Amino acid sequence: MLTLLARLLKALNSESGAWALAIAFVLGMIMGFTPLWRVHNLVILLVALLFRVNLSGFILSFVICSGLAYLLDPVFHAIGFAILSAESWQPVWQSMYDSAFWRVVQFHHTITLGSLVLSLAFAPILAVVSFWIVSQYRRRIQAWFNKLKIVQALKANRFYTIYANLKG
């Protein structure tokens, strides 16, 4: 876990884009909120690997949101039940359930559908908020930290120069 946090801090301090970290947090949140062994989570994992989002941010977001998902399961169930029991949508749900593909996707489960709908609704908000947090961190906290005398003294040390050249 400490290695994961160290890699996240390295990503926060790196030159990689703030949007890449924000998208990693969003994908991890969607995968963490929804039940793990579902087809849409394979698609999310494929997107995360193909587009090379920050895996440390993705995994950290997944772990945090998986823990929160247990607390939010009653909310997910209520949302999924409300959507699945809507009278006007019954023909759609029936035709989807009759298809083998949609049964494999398992959108007929209340928690799966409710958690996916809620996480997709919350995704744009999390993307903007996490982009803002990463930007503010890089603008304010990172600059303040690098101005500290002890940090400047450590970076001027020959050992730090060797370390910086090795980690690249």
Protein backbone atom coordinates (compact mmCIF):
# COMPACT_ATOMS: atom_id res chain seq x y z
CA MET A 1 0.00 0.00 0.00
CA LEU A 2 2.89 2.35 0.73
CA THR A 3 4.32 1.64 -2.70
CA LEU A 4 0.97 2.50 -4.25
CA LEU A 5 0.86 5.81 -2.37
CA ALA A 6 4.46 6.54 -3.34
CA ARG A 7 3.62 5.95 -6.99
CA LEU A 8 0.56 8.19 -6.69
CA LEU A 9 2.70 10.95 -5.21
CA LYS A 10 5.20 10.43 -8.01
CA ALA A 11 2.37 10.81 -10.53
CA LEU A 12 1.12 13.93 -8.79
CA ASN A 13 4.59 15.43 -8.98
CA SER A 14 5.27 14.30 -12.54
CA GLU A 15 4.67 16.12 -15.78
CA SER A 16 1.75 13.87 -16.74
CA GLY A 17 -1.49 15.67 -17.37
CA ALA A 18 -3.96 16.39 -14.61
CA TRP A 19 -6.76 15.04 -16.81
CA ALA A 20 -5.00 11.67 -17.05
CA LEU A 21 -5.06 11.39 -13.26
CA ALA A 22 -8.67 12.60 -13.11
CA ILE A 23 -9.79 9.99 -15.64
CA ALA A 24 -7.91 7.31 -13.69
CA PHE A 25 -9.83 8.30 -10.55
CA VAL A 26 -13.14 8.21 -12.45
CA LEU A 27 -12.51 4.78 -13.99
CA GLY A 28 -11.44 3.41 -10.61
CA MET A 29 -14.59 4.84 -9.03
CA ILE A 30 -16.87 3.23 -11.60
CA MET A 31 -15.13 -0.12 -11.24
CA GLY A 32 -15.09 0.15 -7.44
CA PHE A 33 -18.77 1.03 -7.05
CA THR A 34 -20.09 -1.69 -9.34
CA PRO A 35 -19.89 -5.41 -8.52
CA LEU A 36 -16.47 -6.67 -9.57
CA TRP A 37 -17.19 -9.68 -11.77
CA ARG A 38 -19.23 -7.94 -14.47
CA VAL A 39 -18.60 -7.50 -18.20
CA HIS A 40 -18.58 -3.71 -18.05
CA ASN A 41 -15.69 -3.85 -15.55
CA LEU A 42 -13.63 -5.77 -18.11
CA VAL A 43 -14.35 -2.98 -20.58
CA ILE A 44 -13.29 -0.36 -18.01
CA LEU A 45 -10.09 -2.27 -17.28
CA LEU A 46 -9.39 -2.54 -21.01
CA VAL A 47 -9.91 1.21 -21.45
CA ALA A 48 -7.60 1.93 -18.50
CA LEU A 49 -4.86 -0.26 -19.99
CA LEU A 50 -5.26 0.84 -23.61
CA PHE A 51 -5.30 4.57 -22.89
CA ARG A 52 -2.50 4.29 -20.36
CA VAL A 53 -4.18 6.10 -17.52
CA ASN A 54 -2.24 6.32 -14.28
CA LEU A 55 -2.60 2.85 -12.78
CA SER A 56 -1.69 3.95 -9.25
CA GLY A 57 -4.54 6.47 -9.23
CA PHE A 58 -6.85 3.91 -10.83
CA ILE A 59 -6.05 1.23 -8.23
CA LEU A 60 -6.23 3.64 -5.29
CA SER A 61 -9.60 4.95 -6.45
CA PHE A 62 -10.82 1.40 -7.00
CA VAL A 63 -9.81 0.33 -3.48
CA ILE A 64 -11.40 3.36 -1.80
CA CYS A 65 -14.63 3.12 -3.80
CA SER A 66 -14.86 -0.65 -3.25
CA GLY A 67 -14.89 0.03 0.48
CA LEU A 68 -17.51 2.74 0.09
CA ALA A 69 -19.63 0.48 -2.12
CA TYR A 70 -20.49 -1.77 0.82
CA LEU A 71 -21.91 1.23 2.65
CA LEU A 72 -23.77 2.46 -0.44
CA ASP A 73 -25.27 -0.91 -1.47
CA PRO A 74 -28.72 -0.02 -0.05
CA VAL A 75 -28.70 3.17 -2.13
CA PHE A 76 -27.59 1.27 -5.22
CA HIS A 77 -30.33 -1.31 -4.65
CA ALA A 78 -33.00 1.39 -4.25
CA ILE A 79 -31.93 3.15 -7.46
CA GLY A 80 -31.71 -0.09 -9.42
CA PHE A 81 -35.07 -1.28 -8.11
CA ALA A 82 -36.71 2.02 -9.02
CA ILE A 83 -35.31 1.87 -12.56
CA LEU A 84 -36.13 -1.80 -13.09
CA SER A 85 -39.67 -1.48 -11.71
CA ALA A 86 -40.62 1.60 -13.74
CA GLU A 87 -43.78 0.59 -15.59
CA SER A 88 -42.94 2.38 -18.84
CA TRP A 89 -39.58 0.59 -19.12
CA GLN A 90 -40.91 -2.95 -18.63
CA PRO A 91 -40.95 -3.85 -22.36
CA VAL A 92 -37.32 -2.72 -22.66
CA TRP A 93 -36.19 -4.74 -19.65
CA GLN A 94 -38.13 -7.79 -20.82
CA SER A 95 -36.59 -7.69 -24.30
CA MET A 96 -33.12 -7.20 -22.82
CA TYR A 97 -33.59 -10.13 -20.46
CA ASP A 98 -34.74 -12.33 -23.35
CA SER A 99 -31.42 -11.71 -25.11
CA ALA A 100 -28.48 -13.85 -23.99
CA PHE A 101 -26.05 -10.94 -24.32
CA TRP A 102 -27.94 -8.70 -21.91
CA ARG A 103 -28.32 -11.53 -19.40
CA VAL A 104 -24.53 -11.91 -19.38
CA VAL A 105 -24.13 -8.16 -18.82
CA GLN A 106 -26.43 -8.58 -15.78
CA PHE A 107 -28.18 -5.23 -15.87
CA HIS A 108 -31.25 -7.02 -14.50
CA HIS A 109 -29.61 -7.05 -11.04
CA THR A 110 -30.66 -4.06 -8.96
CA ILE A 111 -27.26 -3.36 -7.38
CA THR A 112 -25.41 -3.67 -10.69
CA LEU A 113 -27.76 -1.29 -12.50
CA GLY A 114 -28.10 1.14 -9.60
CA SER A 115 -24.37 1.36 -8.94
CA LEU A 116 -23.56 1.80 -12.63
CA VAL A 117 -26.17 4.53 -13.07
CA LEU A 118 -25.07 6.39 -9.94
CA SER A 119 -21.36 6.12 -10.76
CA LEU A 120 -21.93 7.30 -14.36
CA ALA A 121 -23.96 10.23 -13.04
CA PHE A 122 -21.21 11.12 -10.56
CA ALA A 123 -18.33 10.59 -13.05
CA PRO A 124 -18.28 14.12 -14.58
CA ILE A 125 -18.34 15.69 -11.12
CA LEU A 126 -15.47 13.54 -9.88
CA ALA A 127 -13.48 14.25 -13.06
CA VAL A 128 -13.76 18.03 -12.66
CA VAL A 129 -13.14 17.97 -8.89
CA SER A 130 -10.12 15.67 -9.12
CA PHE A 131 -8.69 17.75 -12.01
CA TRP A 132 -9.05 20.86 -9.86
CA ILE A 133 -7.45 19.15 -6.83
CA VAL A 134 -4.48 17.89 -8.86
CA SER A 135 -4.03 21.32 -10.47
CA GLN A 136 -4.20 23.10 -7.11
CA TYR A 137 -1.77 20.60 -5.60
CA ARG A 138 0.71 21.19 -8.40
CA ARG A 139 0.29 24.95 -8.30
CA ARG A 140 0.34 25.53 -4.55
CA ILE A 141 1.51 22.61 -2.41
CA GLN A 142 4.24 21.28 -4.70
CA ALA A 143 5.71 24.76 -5.22
CA TRP A 144 5.58 25.50 -1.47
CA PHE A 145 7.20 22.16 -0.65
CA ASN A 146 10.03 22.70 -3.14
CA LYS A 147 10.76 26.14 -1.62
CA LEU A 148 11.53 24.67 1.81
CA LYS A 149 15.21 25.04 2.75
CA ILE A 150 15.56 21.42 3.81
CA VAL A 151 14.18 20.18 0.50
CA GLN A 152 16.55 22.44 -1.43
CA ALA A 153 19.46 21.21 0.69
CA LEU A 154 18.51 17.57 0.09
CA LYS A 155 18.16 18.16 -3.65
CA ALA A 156 21.57 19.84 -3.78
CA ASN A 157 23.14 16.73 -2.27
CA ARG A 158 25.13 14.52 -4.63
CA PHE A 159 23.22 11.43 -3.43
CA TYR A 160 19.92 12.95 -4.59
CA THR A 161 21.41 13.64 -8.01
CA ILE A 162 22.47 10.01 -8.35
CA TYR A 163 19.03 8.88 -7.14
CA ALA A 164 17.25 11.18 -9.60
CA ASN A 165 19.32 9.81 -12.48
CA LEU A 166 18.65 6.18 -11.52
CA LYS A 167 14.88 6.35 -11.17
CA GLY A 168 14.30 7.66 -14.72
